[in-house]
Amino acid sequence: MDLEARKIEFVQEFLKLQSEEAISRLEGILRKEREFIEKRILEPMTQDELNKRIDQSESDFQNNRFKSSSDLLAKYK
């Protein structure tokens, strides 16, 4: 499924929602994503920042400080 089809399907499912709580959570996710994109566009990462992020991620993984994709998906079902 291409990106445009996924967007349409998402909007159709969103319009079916009746839960104000679910809509609020999705609004929060959208707001955070917009802020992330704006920050990333305005402030590119330096090579040093990228290397530090990679090191931190590897350390987190080795010390079991992560969530699997199935854990994350279960949270939003």
N, C-alpha and C. Protein backbone atom coordinates (compact mmCIF):
# COMPACT_ATOMS: atom_id res chain seq x y z
N MET A 1 0.85 -1.17 0.00
CA MET A 1 0.00 0.00 0.00
C MET A 1 0.91 1.24 0.00
N ASP A 2 0.63 2.17 -0.92
CA ASP A 2 1.47 3.37 -1.00
C ASP A 2 1.06 4.40 0.06
N LEU A 3 1.86 5.42 0.21
CA LEU A 3 1.67 6.42 1.26
C LEU A 3 0.32 7.12 1.14
N GLU A 4 -0.07 7.49 -0.06
CA GLU A 4 -1.35 8.20 -0.24
C GLU A 4 -2.53 7.32 0.20
N ALA A 5 -2.50 6.04 -0.17
CA ALA A 5 -3.57 5.12 0.22
C ALA A 5 -3.60 4.95 1.74
N ARG A 6 -2.43 4.88 2.35
CA ARG A 6 -2.37 4.76 3.82
C ARG A 6 -2.94 5.98 4.50
N LYS A 7 -2.64 7.16 3.96
CA LYS A 7 -3.19 8.40 4.53
C LYS A 7 -4.71 8.40 4.46
N ILE A 8 -5.22 8.04 3.30
CA ILE A 8 -6.69 8.01 3.13
C ILE A 8 -7.32 7.03 4.09
N GLU A 9 -6.74 5.85 4.21
CA GLU A 9 -7.26 4.84 5.14
C GLU A 9 -7.21 5.35 6.58
N PHE A 10 -6.12 6.02 6.94
CA PHE A 10 -5.99 6.57 8.29
C PHE A 10 -7.07 7.60 8.56
N VAL A 11 -7.27 8.51 7.63
CA VAL A 11 -8.29 9.56 7.81
C VAL A 11 -9.68 8.94 7.92
N GLN A 12 -9.96 7.94 7.11
CA GLN A 12 -11.26 7.28 7.19
C GLN A 12 -11.47 6.63 8.55
N GLU A 13 -10.45 5.97 9.08
CA GLU A 13 -10.55 5.36 10.40
C GLU A 13 -10.67 6.43 11.48
N PHE A 14 -9.93 7.53 11.33
CA PHE A 14 -10.00 8.63 12.29
C PHE A 14 -11.41 9.19 12.36
N LEU A 15 -12.05 9.35 11.21
CA LEU A 15 -13.41 9.90 11.18
C LEU A 15 -14.43 8.99 11.85
N LYS A 16 -14.13 7.73 11.96
CA LYS A 16 -15.03 6.78 12.62
C LYS A 16 -14.90 6.79 14.14
N LEU A 17 -13.81 7.37 14.64
CA LEU A 17 -13.58 7.37 16.09
C LEU A 17 -14.68 8.11 16.84
N GLN A 18 -15.09 7.54 17.96
CA GLN A 18 -16.09 8.17 18.82
C GLN A 18 -15.50 8.55 20.18
N SER A 19 -14.31 8.09 20.45
CA SER A 19 -13.67 8.32 21.74
C SER A 19 -12.89 9.63 21.73
N GLU A 20 -13.29 10.54 22.60
CA GLU A 20 -12.58 11.81 22.71
C GLU A 20 -11.15 11.58 23.20
N GLU A 21 -10.97 10.59 24.06
CA GLU A 21 -9.64 10.27 24.58
C GLU A 21 -8.72 9.81 23.44
N ALA A 22 -9.23 8.95 22.57
CA ALA A 22 -8.42 8.46 21.45
C ALA A 22 -8.05 9.61 20.52
N ILE A 23 -8.99 10.50 20.26
CA ILE A 23 -8.73 11.65 19.39
C ILE A 23 -7.68 12.55 20.04
N SER A 24 -7.77 12.76 21.34
CA SER A 24 -6.78 13.58 22.04
C SER A 24 -5.39 12.97 21.96
N ARG A 25 -5.30 11.65 22.10
CA ARG A 25 -3.99 10.98 22.00
C ARG A 25 -3.41 11.15 20.60
N LEU A 26 -4.25 10.98 19.58
CA LEU A 26 -3.77 11.13 18.21
C LEU A 26 -3.37 12.58 17.93
N GLU A 27 -4.10 13.53 18.47
CA GLU A 27 -3.72 14.94 18.33
C GLU A 27 -2.35 15.19 18.96
N GLY A 28 -2.12 14.60 20.12
CA GLY A 28 -0.84 14.75 20.79
C GLY A 28 0.29 14.16 19.96
N ILE A 29 0.06 12.98 19.39
CA ILE A 29 1.07 12.35 18.55
C ILE A 29 1.37 13.23 17.34
N LEU A 30 0.34 13.75 16.71
CA LEU A 30 0.52 14.61 15.54
C LEU A 30 1.29 15.88 15.91
N ARG A 31 0.94 16.48 17.03
CA ARG A 31 1.62 17.70 17.48
C ARG A 31 3.11 17.43 17.74
N LYS A 32 3.40 16.32 18.42
CA LYS A 32 4.80 15.96 18.69
C LYS A 32 5.56 15.69 17.40
N GLU A 33 4.92 15.03 16.45
CA GLU A 33 5.57 14.72 15.18
C GLU A 33 5.88 16.02 14.41
N ARG A 34 4.93 16.95 14.41
CA ARG A 34 5.17 18.23 13.74
C ARG A 34 6.34 18.97 14.39
N GLU A 35 6.36 19.00 15.72
CA GLU A 35 7.45 19.66 16.44
C GLU A 35 8.78 19.00 16.13
N PHE A 36 8.79 17.68 16.09
CA PHE A 36 10.02 16.93 15.78
C PHE A 36 10.51 17.27 14.38
N ILE A 37 9.61 17.29 13.42
CA ILE A 37 9.99 17.58 12.04
C ILE A 37 10.51 19.01 11.92
N GLU A 38 9.81 19.95 12.55
CA GLU A 38 10.26 21.34 12.49
C GLU A 38 11.64 21.49 13.11
N LYS A 39 11.87 20.87 14.24
CA LYS A 39 13.16 20.97 14.91
C LYS A 39 14.26 20.33 14.06
N ARG A 40 13.95 19.19 13.48
CA ARG A 40 14.93 18.48 12.66
C ARG A 40 15.30 19.30 11.43
N ILE A 41 14.31 19.97 10.85
CA ILE A 41 14.57 20.79 9.67
C ILE A 41 15.40 22.02 10.05
N LEU A 42 15.09 22.61 11.19
CA LEU A 42 15.76 23.83 11.60
C LEU A 42 17.14 23.60 12.20
N GLU A 43 17.32 22.46 12.86
CA GLU A 43 18.57 22.20 13.55
C GLU A 43 19.14 20.84 13.15
N PRO A 44 19.89 20.79 12.07
CA PRO A 44 20.48 19.49 11.68
C PRO A 44 21.46 19.00 12.74
N MET A 45 21.56 17.71 12.85
CA MET A 45 22.44 17.08 13.83
C MET A 45 23.88 17.14 13.33
N THR A 46 24.80 17.39 14.24
CA THR A 46 26.22 17.33 13.88
C THR A 46 26.66 15.87 13.89
N GLN A 47 27.81 15.62 13.32
CA GLN A 47 28.36 14.26 13.30
C GLN A 47 28.58 13.77 14.73
N ASP A 48 29.06 14.65 15.59
CA ASP A 48 29.30 14.28 16.99
C ASP A 48 27.99 13.93 17.70
N GLU A 49 26.94 14.74 17.46
CA GLU A 49 25.63 14.45 18.07
C GLU A 49 25.10 13.11 17.59
N LEU A 50 25.26 12.85 16.31
CA LEU A 50 24.80 11.58 15.75
C LEU A 50 25.54 10.41 16.38
N ASN A 51 26.85 10.53 16.51
CA ASN A 51 27.63 9.45 17.12
C ASN A 51 27.24 9.22 18.57
N LYS A 52 27.00 10.30 19.32
CA LYS A 52 26.57 10.17 20.71
C LYS A 52 25.21 9.48 20.80
N ARG A 53 24.30 9.83 19.88
CA ARG A 53 22.98 9.21 19.87
C ARG A 53 23.10 7.72 19.56
N ILE A 54 23.95 7.37 18.63
CA ILE A 54 24.16 5.95 18.30
C ILE A 54 24.73 5.21 19.51
N ASP A 55 25.73 5.79 20.15
CA ASP A 55 26.32 5.16 21.33
C ASP A 55 25.28 4.96 22.43
N GLN A 56 24.45 5.98 22.66
CA GLN A 56 23.41 5.89 23.69
C GLN A 56 22.39 4.80 23.33
N SER A 57 22.01 4.75 22.07
CA SER A 57 21.04 3.74 21.63
C SER A 57 21.59 2.33 21.81
N GLU A 58 22.84 2.14 21.45
CA GLU A 58 23.44 0.82 21.62
C GLU A 58 23.54 0.44 23.09
N SER A 59 23.88 1.40 23.92
CA SER A 59 23.94 1.15 25.36
C SER A 59 22.56 0.80 25.91
N ASP A 60 21.56 1.55 25.50
CA ASP A 60 20.19 1.27 25.94
C ASP A 60 19.77 -0.14 25.55
N PHE A 61 20.07 -0.53 24.33
CA PHE A 61 19.68 -1.85 23.86
C PHE A 61 20.39 -2.94 24.67
N GLN A 62 21.67 -2.78 24.89
CA GLN A 62 22.44 -3.78 25.64
C GLN A 62 21.96 -3.90 27.08
N ASN A 63 21.41 -2.83 27.63
CA ASN A 63 20.93 -2.83 29.01
C ASN A 63 19.41 -2.98 29.12
N ASN A 64 18.81 -3.49 28.05
CA ASN A 64 17.36 -3.75 27.99
C ASN A 64 16.50 -2.53 28.32
N ARG A 65 16.96 -1.36 27.90
CA ARG A 65 16.17 -0.14 28.07
C ARG A 65 15.54 0.23 26.73
N PHE A 66 14.58 -0.58 26.31
CA PHE A 66 13.90 -0.34 25.05
C PHE A 66 12.54 -1.01 25.08
N LYS A 67 11.69 -0.64 24.14
CA LYS A 67 10.39 -1.27 23.98
C LYS A 67 10.33 -1.86 22.58
N SER A 68 9.74 -3.02 22.48
CA SER A 68 9.60 -3.63 21.16
C SER A 68 8.47 -2.95 20.41
N SER A 69 8.45 -3.12 19.12
CA SER A 69 7.38 -2.52 18.32
C SER A 69 6.02 -3.10 18.72
N SER A 70 5.98 -4.38 19.09
CA SER A 70 4.71 -4.97 19.51
C SER A 70 4.22 -4.36 20.84
N ASP A 71 5.14 -4.01 21.74
CA ASP A 71 4.75 -3.32 22.98
C ASP A 71 4.14 -1.97 22.67
N LEU A 72 4.77 -1.23 21.76
CA LEU A 72 4.27 0.09 21.39
C LEU A 72 2.92 0.00 20.70
N LEU A 73 2.78 -0.95 19.79
CA LEU A 73 1.50 -1.12 19.08
C LEU A 73 0.39 -1.50 20.05
N ALA A 74 0.69 -2.35 21.03
CA ALA A 74 -0.32 -2.76 22.01
C ALA A 74 -0.81 -1.57 22.83
N LYS A 75 0.08 -0.63 23.09
CA LYS A 75 -0.27 0.55 23.88
C LYS A 75 -1.33 1.39 23.16
N TYR A 76 -1.32 1.42 21.85
CA TYR A 76 -2.22 2.30 21.09
C TYR A 76 -3.38 1.57 20.44
N LYS A 77 -3.61 0.33 20.81
CA LYS A 77 -4.77 -0.41 20.27
C LYS A 77 -6.00 -0.09 21.05
